[in-house]
N, C-alpha and C. Protein backbone atom coordinates (compact mmCIF):
# COMPACT_ATOMS: atom_id res chain seq x y z
N UNK A 1 -11.48 -28.30 -61.25
CA UNK A 1 -11.63 -29.15 -62.41
C UNK A 1 -11.70 -28.29 -63.68
N UNK A 2 -12.45 -27.20 -63.60
CA UNK A 2 -12.58 -26.32 -64.77
C UNK A 2 -11.23 -25.72 -65.14
N UNK A 3 -10.45 -25.39 -64.12
CA UNK A 3 -9.11 -24.83 -64.40
C UNK A 3 -8.24 -25.87 -65.07
N UNK A 4 -8.33 -27.10 -64.61
CA UNK A 4 -7.51 -28.17 -65.17
C UNK A 4 -7.93 -28.46 -66.61
N UNK A 5 -9.24 -28.45 -66.87
CA UNK A 5 -9.73 -28.65 -68.23
C UNK A 5 -9.29 -27.51 -69.14
N UNK A 6 -9.27 -26.30 -68.61
CA UNK A 6 -8.78 -25.16 -69.39
C UNK A 6 -7.30 -25.33 -69.70
N UNK A 7 -6.54 -25.84 -68.72
CA UNK A 7 -5.10 -26.07 -68.93
C UNK A 7 -4.89 -27.15 -70.00
N UNK A 8 -5.71 -28.21 -69.94
CA UNK A 8 -5.63 -29.28 -70.94
C UNK A 8 -5.95 -28.73 -72.32
N UNK A 9 -6.99 -27.91 -72.40
CA UNK A 9 -7.36 -27.32 -73.68
C UNK A 9 -6.24 -26.42 -74.21
N UNK A 10 -5.60 -25.67 -73.30
CA UNK A 10 -4.50 -24.80 -73.70
C UNK A 10 -3.32 -25.63 -74.19
N UNK A 11 -2.99 -26.70 -73.48
CA UNK A 11 -1.87 -27.57 -73.90
C UNK A 11 -2.17 -28.22 -75.26
N UNK A 12 -3.41 -28.65 -75.43
CA UNK A 12 -3.78 -29.27 -76.70
C UNK A 12 -3.69 -28.27 -77.84
N UNK A 13 -4.19 -27.05 -77.61
CA UNK A 13 -4.12 -26.01 -78.64
C UNK A 13 -2.67 -25.67 -78.96
N UNK A 14 -1.84 -25.61 -77.92
CA UNK A 14 -0.41 -25.31 -78.14
C UNK A 14 0.25 -26.42 -78.96
N UNK A 15 -0.10 -27.67 -78.65
CA UNK A 15 0.46 -28.81 -79.40
C UNK A 15 0.03 -28.76 -80.85
N UNK A 16 -1.24 -28.45 -81.08
CA UNK A 16 -1.73 -28.36 -82.45
C UNK A 16 -1.06 -27.21 -83.21
N UNK A 17 -0.87 -26.08 -82.54
CA UNK A 17 -0.20 -24.95 -83.19
C UNK A 17 1.25 -25.29 -83.51
N UNK A 18 1.90 -26.00 -82.58
CA UNK A 18 3.29 -26.40 -82.81
C UNK A 18 3.38 -27.38 -83.98
N UNK A 19 2.44 -28.30 -84.05
CA UNK A 19 2.42 -29.27 -85.16
C UNK A 19 2.17 -28.55 -86.48
N UNK A 20 1.27 -27.58 -86.48
CA UNK A 20 1.00 -26.82 -87.71
C UNK A 20 2.24 -26.05 -88.14
N UNK A 21 2.94 -25.45 -87.18
CA UNK A 21 4.18 -24.72 -87.52
C UNK A 21 5.22 -25.67 -88.09
N UNK A 22 5.32 -26.86 -87.52
CA UNK A 22 6.28 -27.85 -88.04
C UNK A 22 5.91 -28.25 -89.46
N UNK A 23 4.62 -28.40 -89.73
CA UNK A 23 4.19 -28.74 -91.09
C UNK A 23 4.52 -27.61 -92.07
N UNK A 24 4.35 -26.37 -91.64
CA UNK A 24 4.68 -25.23 -92.50
C UNK A 24 6.18 -25.22 -92.78
N UNK A 25 6.98 -25.47 -91.75
CA UNK A 25 8.44 -25.51 -91.94
C UNK A 25 8.83 -26.63 -92.89
N UNK A 26 8.18 -27.77 -92.75
CA UNK A 26 8.48 -28.90 -93.64
C UNK A 26 8.10 -28.56 -95.08
N UNK A 27 6.96 -27.89 -95.26
CA UNK A 27 6.53 -27.51 -96.61
C UNK A 27 7.52 -26.51 -97.21
N UNK A 28 7.99 -25.57 -96.40
CA UNK A 28 8.97 -24.59 -96.90
C UNK A 28 10.26 -25.28 -97.31
N UNK A 29 10.68 -26.27 -96.52
CA UNK A 29 11.89 -27.02 -96.87
C UNK A 29 11.70 -27.79 -98.17
N UNK A 30 10.50 -28.33 -98.37
CA UNK A 30 10.23 -29.06 -99.61
C UNK A 30 10.28 -28.12 -100.81
N UNK A 31 9.80 -26.89 -100.64
CA UNK A 31 9.86 -25.91 -101.73
C UNK A 31 11.32 -25.58 -102.04
N UNK A 32 12.14 -25.40 -101.00
CA UNK A 32 13.56 -25.12 -101.21
C UNK A 32 14.23 -26.30 -101.91
N UNK A 33 13.86 -27.50 -101.52
CA UNK A 33 14.42 -28.70 -102.14
C UNK A 33 14.06 -28.76 -103.62
N UNK A 34 12.81 -28.46 -103.94
CA UNK A 34 12.38 -28.48 -105.36
C UNK A 34 13.15 -27.43 -106.16
N UNK A 35 13.37 -26.25 -105.56
CA UNK A 35 14.13 -25.20 -106.25
C UNK A 35 15.57 -25.64 -106.49
N UNK A 36 16.16 -26.29 -105.49
CA UNK A 36 17.54 -26.76 -105.65
C UNK A 36 17.62 -27.84 -106.72
N UNK A 37 16.62 -28.73 -106.76
CA UNK A 37 16.61 -29.77 -107.79
C UNK A 37 16.45 -29.16 -109.18
N UNK A 38 15.64 -28.11 -109.29
CA UNK A 38 15.48 -27.43 -110.58
C UNK A 38 16.81 -26.78 -110.99
N UNK A 39 17.53 -26.27 -110.01
CA UNK A 39 18.84 -25.66 -110.30
C UNK A 39 19.82 -26.72 -110.81
N UNK A 40 19.76 -27.91 -110.23
CA UNK A 40 20.63 -29.02 -110.69
C UNK A 40 20.30 -29.35 -112.14
N UNK A 41 19.00 -29.46 -112.44
CA UNK A 41 18.58 -29.77 -113.81
C UNK A 41 19.08 -28.70 -114.78
N UNK A 42 18.92 -27.42 -114.40
CA UNK A 42 19.36 -26.33 -115.27
C UNK A 42 20.88 -26.38 -115.47
N UNK A 43 21.61 -26.66 -114.39
CA UNK A 43 23.07 -26.75 -114.50
C UNK A 43 23.47 -27.91 -115.42
N UNK A 44 22.75 -29.02 -115.31
CA UNK A 44 23.04 -30.16 -116.19
C UNK A 44 22.78 -29.79 -117.66
N UNK A 45 21.69 -29.07 -117.89
CA UNK A 45 21.38 -28.66 -119.26
C UNK A 45 22.45 -27.70 -119.80
N UNK A 46 22.88 -26.75 -118.96
CA UNK A 46 23.93 -25.81 -119.40
C UNK A 46 25.22 -26.56 -119.71
N UNK A 47 25.54 -27.55 -118.88
CA UNK A 47 26.75 -28.34 -119.10
C UNK A 47 26.65 -29.13 -120.39
N UNK A 48 25.49 -29.71 -120.66
CA UNK A 48 25.30 -30.49 -121.89
C UNK A 48 25.47 -29.59 -123.12
N UNK A 49 24.94 -28.38 -123.04
CA UNK A 49 25.09 -27.44 -124.16
C UNK A 49 26.57 -27.09 -124.34
N UNK A 50 27.25 -26.81 -123.24
CA UNK A 50 28.67 -26.46 -123.33
C UNK A 50 29.48 -27.63 -123.88
N UNK A 51 29.14 -28.86 -123.46
CA UNK A 51 29.86 -30.03 -123.97
C UNK A 51 29.61 -30.21 -125.47
N UNK A 52 28.39 -29.97 -125.91
CA UNK A 52 28.08 -30.09 -127.34
C UNK A 52 28.86 -29.05 -128.14
N UNK A 53 28.92 -27.84 -127.60
CA UNK A 53 29.69 -26.78 -128.29
C UNK A 53 31.17 -27.15 -128.33
N UNK A 54 31.66 -27.73 -127.24
CA UNK A 54 33.06 -28.14 -127.18
C UNK A 54 33.35 -29.22 -128.21
N UNK A 55 32.46 -30.20 -128.31
CA UNK A 55 32.64 -31.27 -129.29
C UNK A 55 32.60 -30.73 -130.71
N UNK A 56 31.68 -29.78 -130.95
CA UNK A 56 31.60 -29.19 -132.30
C UNK A 56 32.88 -28.44 -132.64
N UNK A 57 33.40 -27.70 -131.66
CA UNK A 57 34.65 -26.96 -131.89
C UNK A 57 35.81 -27.91 -132.10
N UNK A 58 35.86 -29.00 -131.33
CA UNK A 58 36.94 -29.98 -131.51
C UNK A 58 36.83 -30.65 -132.88
N UNK A 59 35.61 -30.94 -133.30
CA UNK A 59 35.40 -31.56 -134.61
C UNK A 59 35.86 -30.61 -135.72
N UNK A 60 35.49 -29.34 -135.57
CA UNK A 60 35.91 -28.34 -136.57
C UNK A 60 37.43 -28.23 -136.60
N UNK A 61 38.02 -28.25 -135.41
CA UNK A 61 39.48 -28.16 -135.33
C UNK A 61 40.13 -29.39 -135.96
N UNK A 62 39.57 -30.57 -135.70
CA UNK A 62 40.11 -31.81 -136.27
C UNK A 62 40.00 -31.80 -137.79
N UNK A 63 38.86 -31.31 -138.28
CA UNK A 63 38.67 -31.22 -139.74
C UNK A 63 39.70 -30.28 -140.34
N UNK A 64 39.89 -29.17 -139.66
CA UNK A 64 40.86 -28.19 -140.15
C UNK A 64 42.28 -28.78 -140.13
N UNK A 65 42.59 -29.51 -139.07
CA UNK A 65 43.92 -30.14 -138.99
C UNK A 65 44.09 -31.20 -140.09
N UNK A 66 43.04 -31.99 -140.33
CA UNK A 66 43.12 -33.02 -141.37
C UNK A 66 43.33 -32.38 -142.73
N UNK A 67 42.66 -31.26 -142.97
CA UNK A 67 42.84 -30.56 -144.24
C UNK A 67 44.28 -30.09 -144.39
N UNK A 68 44.85 -29.68 -143.29
CA UNK A 68 46.24 -29.22 -143.31
C UNK A 68 47.17 -30.37 -143.65
N UNK A 69 46.94 -31.51 -143.04
CA UNK A 69 47.77 -32.68 -143.28
C UNK A 69 47.65 -33.09 -144.74
N UNK A 70 46.46 -32.96 -145.30
CA UNK A 70 46.22 -33.34 -146.69
C UNK A 70 46.82 -32.31 -147.64
N UNK A 71 47.37 -31.28 -147.13
CA UNK A 71 48.02 -30.30 -147.99
C UNK A 71 47.28 -28.99 -148.07
N UNK A 72 46.11 -28.89 -147.46
CA UNK A 72 45.39 -27.62 -147.48
C UNK A 72 46.12 -26.63 -146.57
N UNK A 73 46.11 -25.42 -146.97
CA UNK A 73 46.77 -24.40 -146.16
C UNK A 73 45.73 -23.71 -145.28
N UNK A 74 46.12 -23.51 -144.08
CA UNK A 74 45.23 -22.75 -143.21
C UNK A 74 46.08 -21.84 -142.35
N UNK A 75 45.47 -20.89 -141.81
CA UNK A 75 46.22 -19.89 -141.06
C UNK A 75 46.48 -20.37 -139.65
N UNK A 76 47.66 -20.11 -139.16
CA UNK A 76 48.03 -20.50 -137.80
C UNK A 76 47.15 -19.75 -136.80
N UNK A 77 46.79 -18.54 -137.13
CA UNK A 77 45.92 -17.75 -136.24
C UNK A 77 44.55 -18.38 -136.09
N UNK A 78 44.04 -18.93 -137.19
CA UNK A 78 42.73 -19.58 -137.16
C UNK A 78 42.77 -20.80 -136.26
N UNK A 79 43.82 -21.60 -136.39
CA UNK A 79 43.97 -22.79 -135.54
C UNK A 79 44.11 -22.38 -134.07
N UNK A 80 44.88 -21.34 -133.84
CA UNK A 80 45.07 -20.85 -132.47
C UNK A 80 43.75 -20.39 -131.88
N UNK A 81 42.95 -19.70 -132.70
CA UNK A 81 41.64 -19.24 -132.25
C UNK A 81 40.73 -20.43 -131.94
N UNK A 82 40.76 -21.43 -132.80
CA UNK A 82 39.94 -22.63 -132.57
C UNK A 82 40.37 -23.32 -131.28
N UNK A 83 41.68 -23.42 -131.06
CA UNK A 83 42.17 -24.04 -129.83
C UNK A 83 41.74 -23.25 -128.60
N UNK A 84 41.79 -21.93 -128.71
CA UNK A 84 41.38 -21.08 -127.58
C UNK A 84 39.88 -21.26 -127.30
N UNK A 85 39.09 -21.37 -128.39
CA UNK A 85 37.65 -21.61 -128.20
C UNK A 85 37.40 -22.95 -127.53
N UNK A 86 38.15 -23.97 -127.95
CA UNK A 86 38.00 -25.29 -127.34
C UNK A 86 38.34 -25.22 -125.85
N UNK A 87 39.42 -24.56 -125.53
CA UNK A 87 39.81 -24.46 -124.11
C UNK A 87 38.77 -23.68 -123.31
N UNK A 88 38.23 -22.61 -123.91
CA UNK A 88 37.18 -21.84 -123.22
C UNK A 88 35.94 -22.70 -122.99
N UNK A 89 35.59 -23.50 -123.98
CA UNK A 89 34.42 -24.37 -123.84
C UNK A 89 34.68 -25.45 -122.79
N UNK A 90 35.89 -25.99 -122.79
CA UNK A 90 36.22 -26.99 -121.77
C UNK A 90 36.12 -26.36 -120.37
N UNK A 91 36.55 -25.12 -120.27
CA UNK A 91 36.44 -24.40 -119.00
C UNK A 91 34.97 -24.24 -118.60
N UNK A 92 34.11 -23.91 -119.59
CA UNK A 92 32.67 -23.79 -119.32
C UNK A 92 32.11 -25.12 -118.82
N UNK A 93 32.54 -26.21 -119.44
CA UNK A 93 32.07 -27.54 -119.02
C UNK A 93 32.51 -27.80 -117.58
N UNK A 94 33.77 -27.48 -117.26
CA UNK A 94 34.28 -27.70 -115.91
C UNK A 94 33.49 -26.86 -114.90
N UNK A 95 33.19 -25.62 -115.26
CA UNK A 95 32.40 -24.75 -114.37
C UNK A 95 31.00 -25.34 -114.19
N UNK A 96 30.44 -25.86 -115.26
CA UNK A 96 29.11 -26.49 -115.16
C UNK A 96 29.14 -27.69 -114.24
N UNK A 97 30.20 -28.50 -114.37
CA UNK A 97 30.33 -29.67 -113.48
C UNK A 97 30.45 -29.23 -112.02
N UNK A 98 31.21 -28.16 -111.80
CA UNK A 98 31.35 -27.63 -110.44
C UNK A 98 30.01 -27.14 -109.92
N UNK A 99 29.27 -26.44 -110.78
CA UNK A 99 27.95 -25.94 -110.40
C UNK A 99 26.99 -27.07 -110.07
N UNK A 100 27.06 -28.14 -110.85
CA UNK A 100 26.20 -29.30 -110.60
C UNK A 100 26.55 -29.93 -109.24
N UNK A 101 27.84 -30.07 -108.99
CA UNK A 101 28.27 -30.67 -107.72
C UNK A 101 27.79 -29.81 -106.55
N UNK A 102 27.93 -28.49 -106.68
CA UNK A 102 27.48 -27.60 -105.61
C UNK A 102 25.97 -27.68 -105.42
N UNK A 103 25.24 -27.71 -106.53
CA UNK A 103 23.78 -27.80 -106.44
C UNK A 103 23.36 -29.13 -105.82
N UNK A 104 24.05 -30.22 -106.19
CA UNK A 104 23.72 -31.52 -105.60
C UNK A 104 24.00 -31.50 -104.09
N UNK A 105 25.10 -30.86 -103.69
CA UNK A 105 25.41 -30.75 -102.26
C UNK A 105 24.32 -29.96 -101.54
N UNK A 106 23.83 -28.89 -102.19
CA UNK A 106 22.73 -28.12 -101.60
C UNK A 106 21.48 -28.98 -101.46
N UNK A 107 21.19 -29.77 -102.48
CA UNK A 107 20.01 -30.65 -102.42
C UNK A 107 20.16 -31.64 -101.26
N UNK A 108 21.34 -32.24 -101.15
CA UNK A 108 21.56 -33.19 -100.06
C UNK A 108 21.42 -32.52 -98.71
N UNK A 109 21.95 -31.29 -98.60
CA UNK A 109 21.85 -30.55 -97.33
C UNK A 109 20.39 -30.26 -97.02
N UNK A 110 19.62 -29.86 -98.03
CA UNK A 110 18.20 -29.56 -97.81
C UNK A 110 17.41 -30.81 -97.45
N UNK A 111 17.73 -31.93 -98.10
CA UNK A 111 17.04 -33.19 -97.78
C UNK A 111 17.33 -33.56 -96.32
N UNK A 112 18.58 -33.41 -95.91
CA UNK A 112 18.96 -33.73 -94.53
C UNK A 112 18.25 -32.79 -93.55
N UNK A 113 18.22 -31.50 -93.89
CA UNK A 113 17.55 -30.53 -93.02
C UNK A 113 16.06 -30.81 -92.93
N UNK A 114 15.47 -31.19 -94.06
CA UNK A 114 14.03 -31.52 -94.08
C UNK A 114 13.76 -32.73 -93.20
N UNK A 115 14.60 -33.75 -93.30
CA UNK A 115 14.42 -34.95 -92.48
C UNK A 115 14.57 -34.61 -91.00
N UNK A 116 15.57 -33.82 -90.67
CA UNK A 116 15.79 -33.43 -89.27
C UNK A 116 14.61 -32.60 -88.76
N UNK A 117 14.12 -31.69 -89.59
CA UNK A 117 12.98 -30.85 -89.20
C UNK A 117 11.75 -31.71 -88.96
N UNK A 118 11.53 -32.68 -89.83
CA UNK A 118 10.37 -33.57 -89.67
C UNK A 118 10.51 -34.40 -88.41
N UNK A 119 11.72 -34.93 -88.16
CA UNK A 119 11.93 -35.73 -86.96
C UNK A 119 11.68 -34.89 -85.71
N UNK A 120 12.19 -33.67 -85.71
CA UNK A 120 12.00 -32.78 -84.56
C UNK A 120 10.52 -32.47 -84.36
N UNK A 121 9.83 -32.18 -85.46
CA UNK A 121 8.40 -31.87 -85.36
C UNK A 121 7.62 -33.08 -84.86
N UNK A 122 7.94 -34.27 -85.37
CA UNK A 122 7.26 -35.48 -84.92
C UNK A 122 7.52 -35.74 -83.44
N UNK A 123 8.78 -35.57 -83.02
CA UNK A 123 9.13 -35.80 -81.61
C UNK A 123 8.42 -34.79 -80.71
N UNK A 124 8.40 -33.53 -81.13
CA UNK A 124 7.74 -32.49 -80.34
C UNK A 124 6.25 -32.77 -80.22
N UNK A 125 5.64 -33.14 -81.34
CA UNK A 125 4.21 -33.45 -81.33
C UNK A 125 3.93 -34.65 -80.42
N UNK A 126 4.74 -35.69 -80.50
CA UNK A 126 4.55 -36.87 -79.65
C UNK A 126 4.69 -36.50 -78.18
N UNK A 127 5.70 -35.71 -77.84
CA UNK A 127 5.92 -35.29 -76.46
C UNK A 127 4.74 -34.46 -75.96
N UNK A 128 4.28 -33.55 -76.80
CA UNK A 128 3.16 -32.69 -76.41
C UNK A 128 1.89 -33.51 -76.21
N UNK A 129 1.67 -34.50 -77.10
CA UNK A 129 0.50 -35.37 -76.94
C UNK A 129 0.60 -36.18 -75.65
N UNK A 130 1.80 -36.66 -75.33
CA UNK A 130 1.99 -37.40 -74.09
C UNK A 130 1.68 -36.51 -72.88
N UNK A 131 2.19 -35.27 -72.91
CA UNK A 131 1.94 -34.34 -71.81
C UNK A 131 0.44 -34.07 -71.67
N UNK A 132 -0.24 -33.89 -72.80
CA UNK A 132 -1.68 -33.64 -72.76
C UNK A 132 -2.41 -34.86 -72.20
N UNK A 133 -2.01 -36.07 -72.59
CA UNK A 133 -2.65 -37.28 -72.09
C UNK A 133 -2.45 -37.40 -70.58
N UNK A 134 -1.24 -37.10 -70.11
CA UNK A 134 -0.95 -37.15 -68.67
C UNK A 134 -1.81 -36.12 -67.95
N UNK A 135 -1.90 -34.92 -68.52
CA UNK A 135 -2.70 -33.87 -67.89
C UNK A 135 -4.17 -34.27 -67.83
N UNK A 136 -4.68 -34.90 -68.89
CA UNK A 136 -6.07 -35.36 -68.90
C UNK A 136 -6.27 -36.42 -67.82
N UNK A 137 -5.34 -37.37 -67.75
CA UNK A 137 -5.45 -38.43 -66.73
C UNK A 137 -5.43 -37.85 -65.32
N UNK A 138 -4.53 -36.89 -65.08
CA UNK A 138 -4.45 -36.27 -63.76
C UNK A 138 -5.73 -35.51 -63.45
N UNK A 139 -6.27 -34.82 -64.45
CA UNK A 139 -7.51 -34.07 -64.23
C UNK A 139 -8.66 -35.03 -63.91
N UNK A 140 -8.71 -36.16 -64.61
CA UNK A 140 -9.76 -37.16 -64.34
C UNK A 140 -9.61 -37.72 -62.92
N UNK A 141 -8.36 -37.99 -62.52
CA UNK A 141 -8.13 -38.49 -61.17
C UNK A 141 -8.58 -37.48 -60.12
N UNK A 142 -8.26 -36.21 -60.35
CA UNK A 142 -8.67 -35.15 -59.42
C UNK A 142 -10.19 -35.02 -59.38
N UNK A 143 -10.81 -35.13 -60.57
CA UNK A 143 -12.27 -35.02 -60.62
C UNK A 143 -12.92 -36.17 -59.85
N UNK A 144 -12.35 -37.37 -60.01
CA UNK A 144 -12.89 -38.53 -59.29
C UNK A 144 -12.69 -38.36 -57.79
N UNK A 145 -11.48 -37.91 -57.41
CA UNK A 145 -11.19 -37.69 -55.99
C UNK A 145 -12.11 -36.62 -55.41
N UNK A 146 -12.34 -35.56 -56.20
CA UNK A 146 -13.21 -34.48 -55.72
C UNK A 146 -14.64 -34.98 -55.59
N UNK A 147 -15.08 -35.83 -56.51
CA UNK A 147 -16.44 -36.37 -56.46
C UNK A 147 -16.60 -37.31 -55.27
N UNK A 148 -15.56 -38.07 -54.94
CA UNK A 148 -15.62 -38.99 -53.82
C UNK A 148 -15.64 -38.26 -52.50
N UNK A 149 -14.98 -37.11 -52.44
CA UNK A 149 -14.96 -36.33 -51.20
C UNK A 149 -16.29 -35.68 -51.02
């Protein structure tokens, strides 16, 4: 009986340790998820800044073009430079959008991994609790049988 009780105690301690490890893994996944979400926010902010710069450059270019149409003279090199800046800014915006999409994919992957990790931990804990309950019941049956003998 003492050996069986020791086995039950060992199984219970193992189940508790496994549950604690699962909780630590889940907490680590949540930290990774928060970091990925912060990265998405930062990428969105960078994209917004790039878009604002692009709009400002386009506005400056439009103003310069309107002045030209009205008869103001401007240098072709200046317009070319403005167009190149606009294209570079548009490229920055596109890169920002790509970065946001990648960060969102990472967040989704982490959320999925966190859910799977939690499901696995919950299932493992439930199985271990069931095994411990069966072991306790068997030990009680043996103790009763031993007492009857």
